[in-house]
N, C-alpha and C. Protein backbone atom coordinates (compact mmCIF):
# COMPACT_ATOMS: atom_id res chain seq x y z
N UNK A 1 26.17 3.75 -7.45
CA UNK A 1 25.07 3.32 -8.33
C UNK A 1 25.52 2.12 -9.15
N UNK A 2 24.65 1.15 -9.31
CA UNK A 2 24.96 -0.04 -10.09
C UNK A 2 24.65 0.22 -11.56
N UNK A 3 25.43 -0.43 -12.45
CA UNK A 3 25.15 -0.34 -13.88
C UNK A 3 23.81 -1.00 -14.17
N UNK A 4 23.07 -0.50 -15.17
CA UNK A 4 21.78 -1.13 -15.49
C UNK A 4 21.98 -2.54 -16.04
N UNK A 5 20.94 -3.35 -15.94
CA UNK A 5 21.02 -4.72 -16.43
C UNK A 5 21.30 -4.72 -17.93
N UNK A 6 22.14 -5.65 -18.37
CA UNK A 6 22.45 -5.74 -19.80
C UNK A 6 23.68 -6.57 -20.05
N UNK A 7 24.08 -6.65 -21.33
CA UNK A 7 25.27 -7.41 -21.73
C UNK A 7 26.50 -6.52 -21.67
N UNK A 8 27.57 -7.04 -21.03
CA UNK A 8 28.82 -6.31 -20.88
C UNK A 8 29.98 -7.28 -21.13
N UNK A 9 31.18 -6.72 -21.40
CA UNK A 9 32.34 -7.62 -21.52
C UNK A 9 32.54 -8.40 -20.22
N UNK A 10 32.78 -9.69 -20.38
CA UNK A 10 32.99 -10.56 -19.23
C UNK A 10 34.26 -10.12 -18.50
N UNK A 11 34.16 -9.81 -17.19
CA UNK A 11 35.36 -9.34 -16.48
C UNK A 11 36.46 -10.41 -16.40
N UNK A 12 36.11 -11.68 -16.53
CA UNK A 12 37.11 -12.75 -16.46
C UNK A 12 37.55 -13.22 -17.84
N UNK A 13 36.71 -13.04 -18.86
CA UNK A 13 37.01 -13.45 -20.24
C UNK A 13 36.58 -12.31 -21.16
N UNK A 14 37.42 -11.31 -21.37
CA UNK A 14 37.02 -10.12 -22.13
C UNK A 14 36.61 -10.40 -23.58
N UNK A 15 36.93 -11.57 -24.10
CA UNK A 15 36.56 -11.87 -25.48
C UNK A 15 35.09 -12.27 -25.62
N UNK A 16 34.41 -12.48 -24.51
CA UNK A 16 33.00 -12.84 -24.57
C UNK A 16 32.19 -11.86 -23.72
N UNK A 17 30.89 -11.88 -23.91
CA UNK A 17 30.01 -11.04 -23.11
C UNK A 17 29.36 -11.84 -22.00
N UNK A 18 29.00 -11.15 -20.92
CA UNK A 18 28.30 -11.80 -19.81
C UNK A 18 27.16 -10.88 -19.38
N UNK A 19 26.05 -11.48 -18.99
CA UNK A 19 24.87 -10.69 -18.63
C UNK A 19 24.95 -10.23 -17.18
N UNK A 20 24.79 -8.92 -16.98
CA UNK A 20 24.73 -8.29 -15.66
C UNK A 20 23.27 -7.99 -15.34
N UNK A 21 22.73 -8.52 -14.22
CA UNK A 21 21.30 -8.37 -13.93
C UNK A 21 20.96 -7.10 -13.15
N UNK A 22 21.94 -6.24 -13.00
CA UNK A 22 21.72 -4.99 -12.27
C UNK A 22 22.34 -5.02 -10.90
N UNK A 23 22.61 -6.23 -10.39
CA UNK A 23 23.24 -6.36 -9.08
C UNK A 23 24.41 -7.34 -9.09
N UNK A 24 24.39 -8.32 -10.01
CA UNK A 24 25.46 -9.33 -10.03
C UNK A 24 25.56 -9.92 -11.43
N UNK A 25 26.72 -10.55 -11.69
CA UNK A 25 26.91 -11.26 -12.95
C UNK A 25 26.12 -12.57 -12.92
N UNK A 26 25.54 -12.92 -14.08
CA UNK A 26 24.78 -14.17 -14.20
C UNK A 26 25.64 -15.21 -14.93
N UNK A 27 25.07 -16.39 -15.13
CA UNK A 27 25.77 -17.45 -15.87
C UNK A 27 25.59 -17.33 -17.37
N UNK A 28 24.76 -16.40 -17.83
CA UNK A 28 24.50 -16.24 -19.26
C UNK A 28 25.69 -15.56 -19.93
N UNK A 29 26.25 -16.19 -20.96
CA UNK A 29 27.40 -15.64 -21.69
C UNK A 29 27.05 -15.52 -23.16
N UNK A 30 27.81 -14.67 -23.86
CA UNK A 30 27.59 -14.44 -25.29
C UNK A 30 28.92 -14.49 -26.01
N UNK A 31 28.97 -15.30 -27.07
CA UNK A 31 30.17 -15.39 -27.88
C UNK A 31 30.07 -14.40 -29.04
N UNK A 32 31.14 -13.68 -29.32
CA UNK A 32 31.11 -12.72 -30.44
C UNK A 32 30.72 -13.41 -31.74
N UNK A 33 29.91 -12.73 -32.53
CA UNK A 33 29.46 -13.27 -33.81
C UNK A 33 28.24 -14.15 -33.71
N UNK A 34 27.82 -14.49 -32.52
CA UNK A 34 26.64 -15.32 -32.32
C UNK A 34 25.47 -14.44 -31.88
N UNK A 35 24.23 -14.87 -32.16
CA UNK A 35 23.09 -14.07 -31.67
C UNK A 35 23.04 -14.09 -30.15
N UNK A 36 22.55 -13.01 -29.59
CA UNK A 36 22.45 -12.93 -28.14
C UNK A 36 21.40 -13.94 -27.65
N UNK A 37 21.72 -14.68 -26.60
CA UNK A 37 20.70 -15.58 -26.03
C UNK A 37 19.59 -14.77 -25.37
N UNK A 38 18.50 -15.45 -25.10
CA UNK A 38 17.38 -14.78 -24.44
C UNK A 38 17.84 -14.20 -23.11
N UNK A 39 17.34 -13.02 -22.81
CA UNK A 39 17.70 -12.38 -21.55
C UNK A 39 17.21 -13.24 -20.39
N UNK A 40 18.10 -13.62 -19.50
CA UNK A 40 17.66 -14.48 -18.39
C UNK A 40 16.70 -13.74 -17.46
N UNK A 41 15.81 -14.51 -16.86
CA UNK A 41 14.86 -13.92 -15.91
C UNK A 41 15.62 -13.38 -14.70
N UNK A 42 15.15 -12.25 -14.20
CA UNK A 42 15.78 -11.68 -13.01
C UNK A 42 15.42 -12.51 -11.79
N UNK A 43 16.42 -13.03 -11.13
CA UNK A 43 16.20 -13.84 -9.94
C UNK A 43 17.09 -13.37 -8.81
N UNK A 44 16.55 -13.44 -7.60
CA UNK A 44 17.34 -13.10 -6.42
C UNK A 44 18.22 -14.28 -6.06
N UNK A 45 19.28 -14.04 -5.30
CA UNK A 45 20.11 -15.16 -4.84
C UNK A 45 19.28 -16.14 -4.02
N UNK A 46 19.69 -17.40 -4.05
CA UNK A 46 18.96 -18.42 -3.30
C UNK A 46 18.89 -18.04 -1.82
N UNK A 47 17.72 -18.15 -1.26
CA UNK A 47 17.53 -17.85 0.16
C UNK A 47 17.26 -16.39 0.47
N UNK A 48 17.25 -15.52 -0.56
CA UNK A 48 16.98 -14.10 -0.32
C UNK A 48 15.56 -13.94 0.22
N UNK A 49 15.42 -13.16 1.28
CA UNK A 49 14.13 -12.96 1.95
C UNK A 49 13.56 -11.61 1.54
N UNK A 50 12.38 -11.63 0.92
CA UNK A 50 11.74 -10.39 0.52
C UNK A 50 10.78 -9.83 1.54
N UNK A 51 10.75 -10.41 2.72
CA UNK A 51 9.84 -9.98 3.77
C UNK A 51 10.55 -9.00 4.70
N UNK A 52 10.20 -7.72 4.61
CA UNK A 52 10.83 -6.70 5.46
C UNK A 52 9.80 -6.13 6.44
N UNK A 53 10.28 -5.52 7.49
CA UNK A 53 9.37 -4.87 8.44
C UNK A 53 8.73 -3.62 7.87
N UNK A 54 9.41 -3.00 6.88
CA UNK A 54 8.89 -1.75 6.32
C UNK A 54 7.55 -1.93 5.63
N UNK A 55 7.40 -3.01 4.88
CA UNK A 55 6.15 -3.22 4.16
C UNK A 55 4.99 -3.45 5.12
N UNK A 56 5.26 -4.08 6.26
CA UNK A 56 4.19 -4.30 7.24
C UNK A 56 3.82 -3.01 7.95
N UNK A 57 4.78 -2.10 8.11
CA UNK A 57 4.45 -0.78 8.66
C UNK A 57 3.53 -0.02 7.71
N UNK A 58 3.80 -0.12 6.40
CA UNK A 58 2.95 0.54 5.42
C UNK A 58 1.52 0.02 5.51
N UNK A 59 1.37 -1.29 5.64
CA UNK A 59 0.03 -1.88 5.73
C UNK A 59 -0.67 -1.46 7.02
N UNK A 60 0.08 -1.45 8.13
CA UNK A 60 -0.52 -1.05 9.42
C UNK A 60 -1.01 0.40 9.38
N UNK A 61 -0.29 1.26 8.66
CA UNK A 61 -0.69 2.66 8.58
C UNK A 61 -2.04 2.83 7.89
N UNK A 62 -2.41 1.89 7.03
CA UNK A 62 -3.69 1.99 6.33
C UNK A 62 -4.86 1.57 7.23
N UNK A 63 -4.57 0.81 8.27
CA UNK A 63 -5.63 0.32 9.15
C UNK A 63 -6.05 1.38 10.17
N UNK A 64 -5.10 2.19 10.63
CA UNK A 64 -5.38 3.16 11.70
C UNK A 64 -6.53 4.11 11.39
N UNK A 65 -6.56 4.78 10.22
CA UNK A 65 -7.70 5.68 9.97
C UNK A 65 -9.04 4.95 9.95
N UNK A 66 -9.04 3.71 9.44
CA UNK A 66 -10.29 2.95 9.39
C UNK A 66 -10.83 2.68 10.79
N UNK A 67 -9.93 2.33 11.70
CA UNK A 67 -10.34 2.07 13.08
C UNK A 67 -10.90 3.34 13.71
N UNK A 68 -10.24 4.48 13.48
CA UNK A 68 -10.71 5.74 14.05
C UNK A 68 -12.09 6.11 13.53
N UNK A 69 -12.34 5.89 12.24
CA UNK A 69 -13.63 6.23 11.65
C UNK A 69 -14.77 5.44 12.28
N UNK A 70 -14.48 4.25 12.78
CA UNK A 70 -15.53 3.44 13.41
C UNK A 70 -16.08 4.09 14.67
N UNK A 71 -15.26 4.93 15.33
CA UNK A 71 -15.68 5.55 16.60
C UNK A 71 -16.31 6.92 16.41
N UNK A 72 -16.39 7.40 15.17
CA UNK A 72 -17.04 8.68 14.91
C UNK A 72 -18.56 8.48 15.01
N UNK A 73 -19.28 9.36 15.73
CA UNK A 73 -20.74 9.18 15.88
C UNK A 73 -21.50 9.66 14.64
N UNK A 74 -21.43 8.89 13.56
CA UNK A 74 -22.05 9.31 12.30
C UNK A 74 -23.56 9.46 12.43
N UNK A 75 -24.20 8.62 13.20
CA UNK A 75 -25.65 8.71 13.33
C UNK A 75 -26.13 9.96 14.03
N UNK A 76 -25.26 10.59 14.83
CA UNK A 76 -25.66 11.79 15.57
C UNK A 76 -25.93 12.98 14.65
N UNK A 77 -25.54 12.87 13.38
CA UNK A 77 -25.82 13.96 12.43
C UNK A 77 -27.32 14.19 12.29
N UNK A 78 -28.11 13.17 12.64
CA UNK A 78 -29.56 13.27 12.44
C UNK A 78 -30.32 13.35 13.77
N UNK A 79 -29.59 13.55 14.87
CA UNK A 79 -30.23 13.73 16.17
C UNK A 79 -30.67 15.18 16.30
N UNK A 80 -31.75 15.53 15.63
CA UNK A 80 -32.21 16.91 15.61
C UNK A 80 -33.68 16.99 16.01
N UNK A 81 -34.04 18.17 16.45
CA UNK A 81 -35.44 18.46 16.73
C UNK A 81 -36.03 19.09 15.48
N UNK A 82 -37.00 18.44 14.83
CA UNK A 82 -37.54 18.98 13.57
C UNK A 82 -38.13 20.38 13.71
N UNK A 83 -38.47 20.79 14.94
CA UNK A 83 -39.07 22.12 15.13
C UNK A 83 -38.02 23.22 15.23
N UNK A 84 -36.75 22.84 15.45
CA UNK A 84 -35.68 23.82 15.64
C UNK A 84 -34.97 24.05 14.30
N UNK A 85 -35.06 25.25 13.71
CA UNK A 85 -34.44 25.49 12.39
C UNK A 85 -32.91 25.42 12.43
N UNK A 86 -32.31 25.57 13.61
CA UNK A 86 -30.85 25.54 13.70
C UNK A 86 -30.31 24.18 14.15
N UNK A 87 -31.22 23.25 14.37
CA UNK A 87 -30.80 21.97 14.93
C UNK A 87 -29.93 21.17 13.96
N UNK A 88 -30.26 21.24 12.67
CA UNK A 88 -29.52 20.43 11.70
C UNK A 88 -28.05 20.83 11.62
N UNK A 89 -27.78 22.14 11.65
CA UNK A 89 -26.39 22.59 11.58
C UNK A 89 -25.64 22.22 12.85
N UNK A 90 -26.32 22.27 13.98
CA UNK A 90 -25.69 21.90 15.25
C UNK A 90 -25.38 20.41 15.28
N UNK A 91 -26.33 19.59 14.78
CA UNK A 91 -26.13 18.15 14.79
C UNK A 91 -24.99 17.74 13.85
N UNK A 92 -24.91 18.39 12.69
CA UNK A 92 -23.84 18.02 11.75
C UNK A 92 -22.47 18.34 12.32
N UNK A 93 -22.42 19.34 13.23
CA UNK A 93 -21.15 19.68 13.87
C UNK A 93 -20.67 18.60 14.82
N UNK A 94 -21.58 17.70 15.24
CA UNK A 94 -21.19 16.66 16.20
C UNK A 94 -20.12 15.74 15.62
N UNK A 95 -20.18 15.54 14.30
CA UNK A 95 -19.15 14.72 13.66
C UNK A 95 -17.83 15.47 13.65
N UNK A 96 -17.87 16.75 13.30
CA UNK A 96 -16.64 17.54 13.24
C UNK A 96 -16.04 17.76 14.62
N UNK A 97 -16.85 17.68 15.66
CA UNK A 97 -16.32 17.86 17.02
C UNK A 97 -15.78 16.56 17.60
N UNK A 98 -15.96 15.47 16.89
CA UNK A 98 -15.46 14.18 17.39
C UNK A 98 -13.94 14.12 17.24
N UNK A 99 -13.21 13.81 18.31
CA UNK A 99 -11.74 13.69 18.18
C UNK A 99 -11.34 12.53 17.27
N UNK A 100 -12.20 11.50 17.19
CA UNK A 100 -11.87 10.37 16.33
C UNK A 100 -11.89 10.75 14.85
N UNK A 101 -12.77 11.70 14.50
CA UNK A 101 -12.82 12.17 13.12
C UNK A 101 -11.49 12.84 12.74
N UNK A 102 -11.01 13.70 13.62
CA UNK A 102 -9.76 14.41 13.33
C UNK A 102 -8.55 13.49 13.43
N UNK A 103 -8.61 12.50 14.32
CA UNK A 103 -7.52 11.53 14.39
C UNK A 103 -7.46 10.70 13.10
N UNK A 104 -8.62 10.36 12.57
CA UNK A 104 -8.65 9.60 11.32
C UNK A 104 -8.03 10.39 10.19
N UNK A 105 -8.38 11.68 10.11
CA UNK A 105 -7.78 12.54 9.07
C UNK A 105 -6.28 12.69 9.28
N UNK A 106 -5.88 12.87 10.53
CA UNK A 106 -4.45 13.03 10.84
C UNK A 106 -3.68 11.77 10.46
N UNK A 107 -4.20 10.61 10.88
CA UNK A 107 -3.52 9.35 10.55
C UNK A 107 -3.49 9.13 9.04
N UNK A 108 -4.53 9.58 8.36
CA UNK A 108 -4.57 9.43 6.90
C UNK A 108 -3.47 10.22 6.21
N UNK A 109 -3.32 11.49 6.58
CA UNK A 109 -2.30 12.33 5.94
C UNK A 109 -0.89 11.96 6.38
N UNK A 110 -0.72 11.74 7.67
CA UNK A 110 0.61 11.34 8.15
C UNK A 110 0.98 9.97 7.58
N UNK A 111 -0.01 9.08 7.53
CA UNK A 111 0.23 7.76 6.98
C UNK A 111 0.63 7.80 5.51
N UNK A 112 0.05 8.75 4.77
CA UNK A 112 0.40 8.89 3.35
C UNK A 112 1.88 9.24 3.20
N UNK A 113 2.34 10.23 3.98
CA UNK A 113 3.75 10.62 3.92
C UNK A 113 4.67 9.53 4.42
N UNK A 114 4.31 8.91 5.53
CA UNK A 114 5.16 7.86 6.09
C UNK A 114 5.20 6.64 5.17
N UNK A 115 4.10 6.35 4.48
CA UNK A 115 4.08 5.21 3.57
C UNK A 115 5.11 5.38 2.46
N UNK A 116 5.22 6.60 1.92
CA UNK A 116 6.21 6.86 0.89
C UNK A 116 7.63 6.69 1.45
N UNK A 117 7.87 7.18 2.65
CA UNK A 117 9.19 7.04 3.27
C UNK A 117 9.50 5.57 3.55
N UNK A 118 8.53 4.84 4.10
CA UNK A 118 8.74 3.43 4.40
C UNK A 118 8.94 2.62 3.11
N UNK A 119 8.23 3.01 2.03
CA UNK A 119 8.42 2.33 0.75
C UNK A 119 9.85 2.53 0.24
N UNK A 120 10.37 3.74 0.42
CA UNK A 120 11.76 4.02 0.03
C UNK A 120 12.72 3.13 0.83
N UNK A 121 12.50 3.04 2.14
CA UNK A 121 13.36 2.21 2.98
C UNK A 121 13.22 0.72 2.60
N UNK A 122 12.00 0.31 2.31
CA UNK A 122 11.75 -1.07 1.91
C UNK A 122 12.50 -1.39 0.61
N UNK A 123 12.41 -0.49 -0.36
CA UNK A 123 13.07 -0.66 -1.65
C UNK A 123 14.58 -0.80 -1.46
N UNK A 124 15.14 0.05 -0.61
CA UNK A 124 16.58 -0.01 -0.36
C UNK A 124 16.98 -1.32 0.31
N UNK A 125 16.14 -1.78 1.23
CA UNK A 125 16.47 -3.03 1.92
C UNK A 125 16.39 -4.22 0.97
N UNK A 126 15.40 -4.22 0.08
CA UNK A 126 15.30 -5.30 -0.90
C UNK A 126 16.52 -5.34 -1.80
N UNK A 127 16.99 -4.17 -2.22
CA UNK A 127 18.21 -4.11 -3.04
C UNK A 127 19.39 -4.65 -2.25
N UNK A 128 19.47 -4.28 -0.97
CA UNK A 128 20.56 -4.74 -0.12
C UNK A 128 20.55 -6.25 0.08
N UNK A 129 19.37 -6.86 -0.04
CA UNK A 129 19.27 -8.31 0.11
C UNK A 129 19.52 -9.05 -1.20
N UNK A 130 19.85 -8.28 -2.24
CA UNK A 130 20.18 -8.90 -3.52
C UNK A 130 19.01 -9.16 -4.43
N UNK A 131 17.84 -8.56 -4.15
CA UNK A 131 16.67 -8.75 -5.01
C UNK A 131 16.76 -7.73 -6.14
N UNK A 132 16.94 -8.19 -7.39
CA UNK A 132 17.15 -7.25 -8.50
C UNK A 132 15.87 -6.53 -8.91
N UNK A 133 16.02 -5.25 -9.21
CA UNK A 133 14.93 -4.42 -9.72
C UNK A 133 13.62 -4.60 -8.97
N UNK A 134 13.59 -4.34 -7.68
CA UNK A 134 12.30 -4.43 -6.97
C UNK A 134 11.35 -3.33 -7.44
N UNK A 135 10.10 -3.50 -7.13
CA UNK A 135 9.07 -2.52 -7.50
C UNK A 135 9.47 -1.15 -6.95
N UNK A 136 9.36 -0.12 -7.79
CA UNK A 136 9.88 1.19 -7.38
C UNK A 136 9.05 1.80 -6.25
N UNK A 137 9.74 2.37 -5.30
CA UNK A 137 9.09 2.91 -4.10
C UNK A 137 8.17 4.09 -4.41
N UNK A 138 8.43 4.83 -5.50
CA UNK A 138 7.63 6.03 -5.79
C UNK A 138 6.18 5.70 -6.12
N UNK A 139 5.86 4.44 -6.40
CA UNK A 139 4.46 4.07 -6.62
C UNK A 139 3.64 4.26 -5.35
N UNK A 140 4.29 4.39 -4.20
CA UNK A 140 3.56 4.64 -2.96
C UNK A 140 2.85 5.98 -2.98
N UNK A 141 3.33 6.92 -3.82
CA UNK A 141 2.65 8.21 -3.92
C UNK A 141 1.27 8.07 -4.58
N UNK A 142 1.10 7.05 -5.43
CA UNK A 142 -0.22 6.79 -6.01
C UNK A 142 -1.14 6.21 -4.95
N UNK A 143 -0.58 5.36 -4.12
CA UNK A 143 -1.35 4.74 -3.04
C UNK A 143 -0.55 3.62 -2.41
N UNK A 144 -0.71 3.46 -1.12
CA UNK A 144 0.02 2.42 -0.42
C UNK A 144 -0.34 1.04 -0.96
N UNK A 145 -1.61 0.83 -1.31
CA UNK A 145 -2.03 -0.48 -1.83
C UNK A 145 -1.35 -0.77 -3.17
N UNK A 146 -1.18 0.26 -4.00
CA UNK A 146 -0.50 0.07 -5.28
C UNK A 146 0.92 -0.43 -5.04
N UNK A 147 1.60 0.20 -4.09
CA UNK A 147 2.99 -0.21 -3.82
C UNK A 147 3.06 -1.62 -3.24
N UNK A 148 2.27 -1.90 -2.21
CA UNK A 148 2.39 -3.19 -1.53
C UNK A 148 2.01 -4.36 -2.43
N UNK A 149 0.98 -4.17 -3.28
CA UNK A 149 0.58 -5.25 -4.18
C UNK A 149 1.61 -5.42 -5.29
N UNK A 150 2.02 -4.31 -5.91
CA UNK A 150 3.02 -4.39 -6.97
C UNK A 150 4.33 -4.95 -6.47
N UNK A 151 4.72 -4.53 -5.30
CA UNK A 151 5.96 -5.01 -4.69
C UNK A 151 5.90 -6.51 -4.43
N UNK A 152 4.75 -6.99 -3.95
CA UNK A 152 4.60 -8.42 -3.67
C UNK A 152 4.70 -9.25 -4.93
N UNK A 153 4.10 -8.75 -6.02
CA UNK A 153 4.16 -9.47 -7.29
C UNK A 153 5.61 -9.59 -7.77
N UNK A 154 6.35 -8.47 -7.71
CA UNK A 154 7.74 -8.48 -8.18
C UNK A 154 8.62 -9.35 -7.29
N UNK A 155 8.47 -9.22 -5.97
CA UNK A 155 9.27 -10.03 -5.05
C UNK A 155 9.00 -11.52 -5.26
N UNK A 156 7.74 -11.87 -5.50
CA UNK A 156 7.40 -13.27 -5.74
C UNK A 156 8.07 -13.78 -7.01
N UNK A 157 8.12 -12.95 -8.04
CA UNK A 157 8.79 -13.35 -9.29
C UNK A 157 10.29 -13.54 -9.08
N UNK A 158 10.86 -12.71 -8.22
CA UNK A 158 12.32 -12.77 -8.03
C UNK A 158 12.74 -13.89 -7.07
N UNK A 159 11.91 -14.16 -6.06
CA UNK A 159 12.33 -15.09 -5.00
C UNK A 159 11.48 -16.36 -4.95
N UNK A 160 10.32 -16.37 -5.59
CA UNK A 160 9.44 -17.52 -5.51
C UNK A 160 8.47 -17.49 -4.35
N UNK A 161 8.57 -16.48 -3.49
CA UNK A 161 7.64 -16.32 -2.37
C UNK A 161 7.57 -14.84 -2.02
N UNK A 162 6.57 -14.48 -1.19
CA UNK A 162 6.44 -13.07 -0.80
C UNK A 162 5.07 -12.49 -1.07
N UNK A 163 4.04 -13.35 -1.11
CA UNK A 163 2.69 -12.87 -1.39
C UNK A 163 1.95 -12.37 -0.15
N UNK A 164 2.48 -12.61 1.03
CA UNK A 164 1.75 -12.27 2.27
C UNK A 164 1.36 -10.79 2.33
N UNK A 165 2.26 -9.83 1.99
CA UNK A 165 1.84 -8.42 2.04
C UNK A 165 0.69 -8.12 1.07
N UNK A 166 0.67 -8.79 -0.07
CA UNK A 166 -0.42 -8.57 -1.02
C UNK A 166 -1.75 -9.00 -0.43
N UNK A 167 -1.78 -10.19 0.19
CA UNK A 167 -3.03 -10.68 0.79
C UNK A 167 -3.44 -9.81 1.97
N UNK A 168 -2.47 -9.32 2.73
CA UNK A 168 -2.80 -8.43 3.85
C UNK A 168 -3.40 -7.13 3.32
N UNK A 169 -2.86 -6.62 2.21
CA UNK A 169 -3.40 -5.39 1.62
C UNK A 169 -4.82 -5.60 1.12
N UNK A 170 -5.05 -6.75 0.49
CA UNK A 170 -6.42 -7.05 0.04
C UNK A 170 -7.35 -7.14 1.25
N UNK A 171 -6.85 -7.67 2.37
CA UNK A 171 -7.64 -7.70 3.60
C UNK A 171 -8.00 -6.30 4.09
N UNK A 172 -7.04 -5.37 3.98
CA UNK A 172 -7.30 -3.98 4.39
C UNK A 172 -8.36 -3.35 3.47
N UNK A 173 -8.28 -3.65 2.18
CA UNK A 173 -9.28 -3.11 1.24
C UNK A 173 -10.67 -3.65 1.59
N UNK A 174 -10.76 -4.94 1.90
CA UNK A 174 -12.05 -5.51 2.31
C UNK A 174 -12.53 -4.84 3.60
N UNK A 175 -11.59 -4.63 4.54
CA UNK A 175 -11.95 -3.96 5.79
C UNK A 175 -12.50 -2.56 5.54
N UNK A 176 -11.94 -1.85 4.56
CA UNK A 176 -12.43 -0.50 4.26
C UNK A 176 -13.87 -0.54 3.78
N UNK A 177 -14.23 -1.58 3.01
CA UNK A 177 -15.62 -1.71 2.58
C UNK A 177 -16.53 -2.03 3.76
N UNK A 178 -16.03 -2.84 4.69
CA UNK A 178 -16.82 -3.16 5.88
C UNK A 178 -17.05 -1.89 6.70
N UNK A 179 -16.00 -1.10 6.90
CA UNK A 179 -16.13 0.15 7.66
C UNK A 179 -17.11 1.09 6.96
N UNK A 180 -17.01 1.19 5.63
CA UNK A 180 -17.95 2.04 4.89
C UNK A 180 -19.38 1.55 5.08
N UNK A 181 -19.57 0.23 5.13
CA UNK A 181 -20.91 -0.32 5.36
C UNK A 181 -21.43 0.01 6.75
N UNK A 182 -20.55 -0.06 7.76
CA UNK A 182 -20.95 0.27 9.13
C UNK A 182 -21.34 1.74 9.23
N UNK A 183 -20.54 2.61 8.61
CA UNK A 183 -20.83 4.05 8.65
C UNK A 183 -22.16 4.33 7.95
N UNK A 184 -22.38 3.70 6.81
CA UNK A 184 -23.63 3.90 6.07
C UNK A 184 -24.82 3.43 6.89
N UNK A 185 -24.66 2.29 7.57
CA UNK A 185 -25.75 1.77 8.40
C UNK A 185 -26.08 2.73 9.54
N UNK A 186 -25.04 3.31 10.18
CA UNK A 186 -25.27 4.27 11.25
C UNK A 186 -26.03 5.50 10.74
N UNK A 187 -25.64 5.95 9.55
CA UNK A 187 -26.29 7.15 9.00
C UNK A 187 -27.74 6.86 8.63
N UNK A 188 -28.00 5.69 8.04
CA UNK A 188 -29.37 5.36 7.68
C UNK A 188 -30.24 5.15 8.92
N UNK A 189 -29.64 4.60 9.98
CA UNK A 189 -30.39 4.44 11.23
C UNK A 189 -30.77 5.81 11.79
N UNK A 190 -29.82 6.75 11.76
CA UNK A 190 -30.11 8.11 12.23
C UNK A 190 -31.17 8.78 11.38
N UNK A 191 -31.11 8.60 10.05
CA UNK A 191 -32.11 9.19 9.16
C UNK A 191 -33.49 8.60 9.43
N UNK A 192 -33.53 7.28 9.62
CA UNK A 192 -34.82 6.63 9.89
C UNK A 192 -35.44 7.16 11.17
N UNK A 193 -34.59 7.37 12.19
CA UNK A 193 -35.09 7.90 13.45
C UNK A 193 -35.64 9.31 13.27
N UNK A 194 -34.95 10.12 12.46
CA UNK A 194 -35.42 11.49 12.21
C UNK A 194 -36.74 11.49 11.46
N UNK A 195 -36.85 10.65 10.45
CA UNK A 195 -38.11 10.60 9.67
C UNK A 195 -39.27 10.12 10.55
N UNK A 196 -38.93 9.21 11.47
CA UNK A 196 -39.97 8.74 12.39
C UNK A 196 -40.47 9.87 13.29
N UNK A 197 -39.52 10.71 13.75
CA UNK A 197 -39.92 11.85 14.58
C UNK A 197 -40.80 12.82 13.78
N UNK A 198 -40.41 13.06 12.53
CA UNK A 198 -41.17 13.99 11.69
C UNK A 198 -42.57 13.44 11.44
N UNK A 199 -42.65 12.11 11.23
CA UNK A 199 -43.95 11.49 10.94
C UNK A 199 -44.89 11.50 12.13
N UNK A 200 -44.38 11.54 13.35
CA UNK A 200 -45.24 11.52 14.55
C UNK A 200 -45.65 12.91 14.98
N UNK A 201 -45.15 13.93 14.30
CA UNK A 201 -45.51 15.31 14.73
C UNK A 201 -46.57 15.89 13.82
């Protein structure tokens, strides 16, 4: 475990203090009897790459359930015969009998667990690349988008680049609204068809 960031005796000049950023010694020094200088900004070593494969796996896991939901026959919930009192319950089962519905749920739950694991691996890899204090992996338990966006902000501050995962996550969020719109349109189309049948009888 590394010592937390802070001022420590300089290992080369014990009479002065030197700032440790959590992973390496910085150029900031402190002379005894003088006020401490401003804490230097946490920066990664020059050329440190904050782009890992783990963060892209987290983003990909969020897309899979959305794709599966597109293939669920949502409109079939309203394919009923208005004269049959049991038709509505049978029609609503058509969604639950769709394998895509259950695949979407499976990918959602498995993706939630894997996202936390991948976030942990991503965090460890960022530390290994010398990026100080990356966004904590446990934020993935709140949501994958929380981790990927927060992580991108911190990596960008440390390295000067690394916004691509954030924009990809925002793209996934937009895609989720598009999928919700498609599902809603299918359901309203099915409802309109049912009302039309009722009106002609």
